[in-house]
Amino acid sequence: MIVKCLFPVAGYGTRFLPATKAQPKEMLPILTKPLIQYGVEEAAEAGLTQACFVTGRNKRAIADHFDTVYELEDQIKGTSREDRLACIRGLIEECSYSYTRQNQMRGLGDAILTGKILIGDDEPFGVILADDLCVGEEGIMSQMLKVYEKYKCCVVAVEEVPIEEVSKYGVISGQTIDDRHTIVETMVEKPTPEEAPSNLAIIGRYILTPAIFDTISRTPPGVNGEVQLTDALQTLAKEEMVVAYRFEGRRFDCGSIDGFVEATNYFYAKMKEAEKSA
């Protein structure tokens, strides 16, 4: 049973400067909830109630968000505003939270390895990148757990992207099982359109087995001098099976301004629709 989910949240968020100069990019709100809360809610829906954060400097607001603020709660107690905290109160009670710090920004692979102290070395775990805000009738992580239960191996979420955008992603190809599942044979980090083995791009959802830690430790720095999780998974795909899963739902790339605005508009429209039907 998988109960732990790792959240790598140490990045600087330079695409949102100056907004992220003194606050974590993961705390940027989509309407009234920060990005990181959407990610933790998705994990909790799937039963991954032990949230493990790999943080960095200026990230204390994340820990504060998943904690009780007694002064605030006392101030709004008994008012109409008290209900606005109901969702985060429930999440605080449902989940446990632990934190460690990535001292240098050396890539996603290094962030995962840094999280080993929180995860342990003998159980599979989920990974959610809060930049990718995903919505669907069933949470993406819940869908991926079903894939893991069937294949008992690492699972990566993928979606088709325009070929001219593959240089933003890790890209996979392999043996097709069906229209949603592929046994990974090749993974390339940020290829040019000419180098890309397909247009199936990895997005920020993973289920990883404990073998990933040893594999990352053997992986040399790759693109941009960073330790790439994609490179480690490519190695692991040769040693044991890795399955790519084309999820059901929609992803917003909230690491970009365009995607952030698109997500905001989407959730605003959903809110207004709910208000009309209430």
Protein backbone atom coordinates (compact mmCIF):
# COMPACT_ATOMS: atom_id res chain seq x y z
CA MET A 1 0.00 0.00 0.00
CA ILE A 2 1.44 3.36 -1.02
CA VAL A 3 0.90 6.10 1.57
CA LYS A 4 3.74 8.58 0.97
CA CYS A 5 3.92 11.33 -1.62
CA LEU A 6 7.01 13.44 -2.27
CA PHE A 7 6.63 17.09 -3.24
CA PRO A 8 9.82 18.65 -4.66
CA VAL A 9 9.28 22.36 -3.91
CA ALA A 10 12.80 23.80 -3.73
CA GLY A 11 12.81 25.64 -7.08
CA TYR A 12 13.12 29.42 -7.30
CA GLY A 13 10.18 30.08 -9.64
CA THR A 14 12.12 32.60 -11.70
CA ARG A 15 9.46 32.79 -14.41
CA PHE A 16 7.19 34.53 -11.89
CA LEU A 17 9.62 37.13 -10.59
CA PRO A 18 9.20 39.47 -8.83
CA ALA A 19 6.12 37.73 -7.32
CA THR A 20 8.30 34.80 -6.21
CA LYS A 21 11.17 36.87 -4.84
CA ALA A 22 9.99 36.43 -1.24
CA GLN A 23 7.32 33.72 -1.48
CA PRO A 24 7.33 30.17 -2.85
CA LYS A 25 5.92 29.77 -6.35
CA GLU A 26 3.93 26.82 -4.98
CA MET A 27 2.03 29.29 -2.78
CA LEU A 28 0.77 31.30 -5.74
CA PRO A 29 -3.04 31.04 -5.62
CA ILE A 30 -5.43 29.68 -8.19
CA LEU A 31 -8.45 31.63 -6.93
CA THR A 32 -8.36 31.13 -3.15
CA LYS A 33 -6.11 28.06 -2.87
CA PRO A 34 -2.35 27.86 -3.44
CA LEU A 35 -0.98 25.47 -6.04
CA ILE A 36 0.58 23.20 -3.44
CA GLN A 37 -2.79 22.63 -1.74
CA TYR A 38 -4.28 21.31 -4.97
CA GLY A 39 -1.39 18.82 -5.14
CA VAL A 40 -1.78 17.65 -1.54
CA GLU A 41 -5.53 17.28 -2.05
CA GLU A 42 -4.89 15.06 -5.09
CA ALA A 43 -2.49 12.91 -3.09
CA ALA A 44 -4.88 12.62 -0.14
CA GLU A 45 -7.73 11.61 -2.46
CA ALA A 46 -5.54 8.69 -3.57
CA GLY A 47 -4.77 7.69 0.02
CA LEU A 48 -1.26 9.16 0.01
CA THR A 49 -1.69 10.94 3.32
CA GLN A 50 1.97 11.25 4.32
CA ALA A 51 3.12 14.40 2.53
CA CYS A 52 6.90 14.75 2.29
CA PHE A 53 8.38 18.06 1.10
CA VAL A 54 11.84 18.71 -0.30
CA THR A 55 12.14 22.43 0.30
CA GLY A 56 14.68 25.23 -0.08
CA ARG A 57 15.25 28.78 1.08
CA ASN A 58 12.21 31.07 1.43
CA LYS A 59 9.86 28.08 1.55
CA ARG A 60 8.70 28.36 5.17
CA ALA A 61 5.27 29.57 4.02
CA ILE A 62 4.50 26.04 2.79
CA ALA A 63 4.98 24.55 6.27
CA ASP A 64 2.99 27.43 7.77
CA HIS A 65 0.12 26.81 5.35
CA PHE A 66 -0.26 23.20 6.49
CA ASP A 67 -0.40 24.22 10.14
CA THR A 68 -2.91 25.89 12.44
CA VAL A 69 -2.73 29.69 12.80
CA TYR A 70 -4.38 30.24 16.17
CA GLU A 71 -4.46 34.04 16.00
CA LEU A 72 -6.23 34.02 12.64
CA GLU A 73 -8.70 31.34 13.65
CA ASP A 74 -9.53 33.17 16.86
CA GLN A 75 -10.07 36.41 14.93
CA ILE A 76 -12.59 34.91 12.47
CA LYS A 77 -14.23 32.40 14.83
CA GLY A 78 -18.01 32.62 14.64
CA THR A 79 -18.00 34.77 11.50
CA SER A 80 -18.97 33.88 7.93
CA ARG A 81 -15.29 33.79 7.02
CA GLU A 82 -14.59 30.80 9.28
CA ASP A 83 -15.91 28.38 6.65
CA ARG A 84 -13.19 29.51 4.25
CA LEU A 85 -10.66 27.55 6.29
CA ALA A 86 -12.68 24.31 6.31
CA CYS A 87 -10.84 22.68 3.39
CA ILE A 88 -7.35 23.33 4.77
CA ARG A 89 -8.37 22.32 8.30
CA GLY A 90 -9.58 18.99 6.94
CA LEU A 91 -6.34 18.49 5.04
CA ILE A 92 -4.25 19.28 8.13
CA GLU A 93 -6.16 16.67 10.11
CA GLU A 94 -6.15 14.03 7.36
CA CYS A 95 -2.46 14.16 6.46
CA SER A 96 0.93 14.20 8.16
CA TYR A 97 3.69 16.52 6.96
CA SER A 98 7.47 16.23 6.97
CA TYR A 99 10.20 18.41 5.48
CA THR A 100 13.83 18.31 4.43
CA ARG A 101 15.92 20.83 2.51
CA GLN A 102 17.68 20.54 -0.84
CA ASN A 103 20.74 22.73 -0.29
CA GLN A 104 21.61 23.13 -3.97
CA MET A 105 19.36 23.19 -7.02
CA ARG A 106 20.82 20.19 -8.85
CA GLY A 107 17.77 18.94 -10.70
CA LEU A 108 14.67 16.85 -10.05
CA GLY A 109 16.66 13.64 -9.71
CA ASP A 110 18.73 15.16 -6.91
CA ALA A 111 15.56 16.44 -5.23
CA ILE A 112 14.10 12.91 -5.26
CA LEU A 113 17.32 11.50 -3.80
CA THR A 114 17.28 14.21 -1.12
CA GLY A 115 13.79 13.04 -0.18
CA LYS A 116 15.00 9.52 0.59
CA ILE A 117 15.42 10.48 4.25
CA LEU A 118 11.66 11.13 4.40
CA ILE A 119 10.52 8.24 2.22
CA GLY A 120 12.82 5.47 3.41
CA ASP A 121 14.43 2.92 1.13
CA ASP A 122 11.96 0.04 1.17
CA GLU A 123 8.59 1.30 -0.13
CA PRO A 124 7.16 2.76 -3.33
CA PHE A 125 5.92 6.35 -3.27
CA GLY A 126 4.20 8.99 -5.34
CA VAL A 127 5.69 12.23 -6.64
CA ILE A 128 3.66 15.32 -7.47
CA LEU A 129 5.08 18.48 -9.05
CA ALA A 130 2.74 21.27 -7.99
CA ASP A 131 3.48 23.26 -11.15
CA ASP A 132 1.34 20.76 -13.03
CA LEU A 133 -2.21 21.31 -11.83
CA CYS A 134 -4.34 18.39 -13.00
CA VAL A 135 -8.10 17.99 -12.98
CA GLY A 136 -10.35 15.08 -13.91
CA GLU A 137 -13.34 13.08 -12.75
CA GLU A 138 -10.80 10.92 -10.91
CA GLY A 139 -7.52 12.33 -9.61
CA ILE A 140 -4.45 11.55 -11.71
CA MET A 141 -2.61 9.97 -8.79
CA SER A 142 -5.62 7.75 -8.05
CA GLN A 143 -5.56 6.59 -11.68
CA MET A 144 -1.83 5.88 -11.50
CA LEU A 145 -2.18 3.79 -8.35
CA LYS A 146 -4.37 1.41 -10.33
CA VAL A 147 -1.63 1.12 -12.94
CA TYR A 148 0.93 0.42 -10.22
CA GLU A 149 -1.29 -2.24 -8.66
CA LYS A 150 -1.44 -4.00 -12.03
CA TYR A 151 2.22 -3.79 -13.07
CA LYS A 152 4.11 -3.29 -9.75
CA CYS A 153 6.70 -1.00 -11.33
CA CYS A 154 7.54 2.68 -11.79
CA VAL A 155 4.73 4.62 -13.48
CA VAL A 156 5.07 7.98 -15.23
CA ALA A 157 2.16 10.12 -16.42
CA VAL A 158 2.37 11.28 -20.04
CA GLU A 159 0.33 13.30 -22.49
CA GLU A 160 0.63 14.21 -26.15
CA VAL A 161 2.10 17.66 -26.79
CA PRO A 162 2.74 19.55 -30.02
CA ILE A 163 6.02 18.35 -31.50
CA GLU A 164 7.39 21.90 -31.43
CA GLU A 165 7.05 21.89 -27.62
CA VAL A 166 8.87 18.63 -26.84
CA SER A 167 12.03 20.53 -25.85
CA LYS A 168 10.25 21.55 -22.62
CA TYR A 169 9.77 17.96 -21.43
CA GLY A 170 11.14 14.50 -20.94
CA VAL A 171 9.80 12.45 -23.87
CA ILE A 172 9.19 8.70 -24.03
CA SER A 173 8.67 5.97 -26.57
CA GLY A 174 8.31 2.22 -26.27
CA GLN A 175 6.12 -0.83 -26.68
CA THR A 176 2.42 0.04 -26.75
CA ILE A 177 0.23 -2.12 -24.51
CA ASP A 178 -3.00 -0.28 -25.31
CA ASP A 179 -4.11 3.29 -25.94
CA ARG A 180 -3.25 4.32 -22.36
CA HIS A 181 -0.25 2.18 -21.39
CA THR A 182 3.25 1.97 -22.89
CA ILE A 183 6.25 -0.04 -21.70
CA VAL A 184 9.01 2.56 -21.77
CA GLU A 185 12.08 1.76 -23.85
CA THR A 186 13.46 5.25 -24.52
CA MET A 187 13.39 8.47 -22.49
CA VAL A 188 15.00 11.69 -23.64
CA GLU A 189 15.18 14.86 -21.54
CA LYS A 190 14.29 18.07 -23.41
CA PRO A 191 15.02 16.81 -26.95
CA THR A 192 14.79 18.94 -30.05
CA PRO A 193 11.83 18.11 -32.32
CA GLU A 194 14.26 16.24 -34.58
CA GLU A 195 15.67 14.18 -31.68
CA ALA A 196 12.35 13.42 -29.98
CA PRO A 197 11.35 9.72 -30.12
CA SER A 198 7.64 10.73 -29.98
CA ASN A 199 5.43 13.54 -28.76
CA LEU A 200 4.50 11.74 -25.51
CA ALA A 201 5.73 14.08 -22.80
CA ILE A 202 6.22 13.22 -19.13
CA ILE A 203 4.26 15.49 -16.79
CA GLY A 204 4.66 16.01 -13.07
CA ARG A 205 3.16 12.79 -11.73
CA TYR A 206 5.16 9.66 -10.89
CA ILE A 207 4.96 6.51 -8.85
CA LEU A 208 8.47 5.31 -8.09
CA THR A 209 9.85 2.11 -6.60
CA PRO A 210 12.69 2.13 -4.01
CA ALA A 211 15.13 1.08 -6.75
CA ILE A 212 15.05 4.67 -8.04
CA PHE A 213 17.30 5.91 -5.23
CA ASP A 214 20.24 3.68 -6.14
CA THR A 215 19.69 4.42 -9.82
CA ILE A 216 19.75 8.19 -9.25
CA SER A 217 22.94 7.88 -7.20
CA ARG A 218 24.57 6.23 -10.24
CA THR A 219 23.25 8.84 -12.69
CA PRO A 220 25.71 11.54 -13.82
CA PRO A 221 24.54 15.13 -14.40
CA GLY A 222 22.82 15.58 -17.74
CA VAL A 223 20.98 18.49 -19.38
CA ASN A 224 21.99 21.85 -17.81
CA GLY A 225 24.40 20.05 -15.51
CA GLU A 226 21.50 18.73 -13.41
CA VAL A 227 20.77 15.20 -12.23
CA GLN A 228 17.73 14.36 -14.34
CA LEU A 229 15.05 11.97 -13.11
CA THR A 230 14.38 11.12 -16.75
CA ASP A 231 17.96 9.83 -17.15
CA ALA A 232 17.62 7.66 -14.05
CA LEU A 233 14.29 6.25 -15.27
CA GLN A 234 15.86 5.49 -18.65
CA THR A 235 18.46 3.37 -16.84
CA LEU A 236 15.81 1.74 -14.69
CA ALA A 237 13.71 0.91 -17.76
CA LYS A 238 16.56 -1.34 -18.92
CA GLU A 239 16.78 -3.10 -15.55
CA GLU A 240 13.07 -3.41 -14.69
CA MET A 241 9.81 -2.32 -16.30
CA VAL A 242 8.68 1.31 -16.39
CA VAL A 243 5.14 2.03 -17.61
CA ALA A 244 4.00 5.32 -19.13
CA TYR A 245 0.32 6.09 -18.52
CA ARG A 246 -1.77 8.46 -20.62
CA PHE A 247 -4.03 9.86 -17.93
CA GLU A 248 -7.67 10.87 -18.21
CA GLY A 249 -8.12 14.53 -17.42
CA ARG A 250 -6.60 17.90 -18.10
CA ARG A 251 -3.27 19.42 -17.10
CA PHE A 252 -2.44 23.09 -16.64
CA ASP A 253 1.23 24.06 -16.80
CA CYS A 254 1.16 26.54 -13.93
CA GLY A 255 4.94 26.88 -14.12
CA SER A 256 4.25 29.19 -17.06
CA ILE A 257 2.29 32.46 -17.01
CA ASP A 258 0.04 31.28 -19.84
CA GLY A 259 -0.83 28.04 -18.04
CA PHE A 260 -1.32 29.83 -14.73
CA VAL A 261 -3.82 32.26 -16.27
CA GLU A 262 -5.55 29.42 -18.12
CA ALA A 263 -5.98 27.49 -14.86
CA THR A 264 -7.28 30.58 -13.07
CA ASN A 265 -9.87 31.19 -15.79
CA TYR A 266 -10.92 27.53 -15.75
CA PHE A 267 -11.48 27.42 -11.98
CA TYR A 268 -13.18 30.83 -12.01
CA ALA A 269 -15.66 29.59 -14.63
CA LYS A 270 -16.29 26.43 -12.56
CA MET A 271 -16.88 28.55 -9.46
CA LYS A 272 -19.39 30.79 -11.25
CA GLU A 273 -21.15 27.73 -12.69
CA ALA A 274 -21.45 26.26 -9.19
CA GLU A 275 -22.83 29.54 -7.83
CA LYS A 276 -25.53 29.62 -10.49
CA SER A 277 -26.64 26.07 -9.78
CA ALA A 278 -26.60 26.53 -6.00
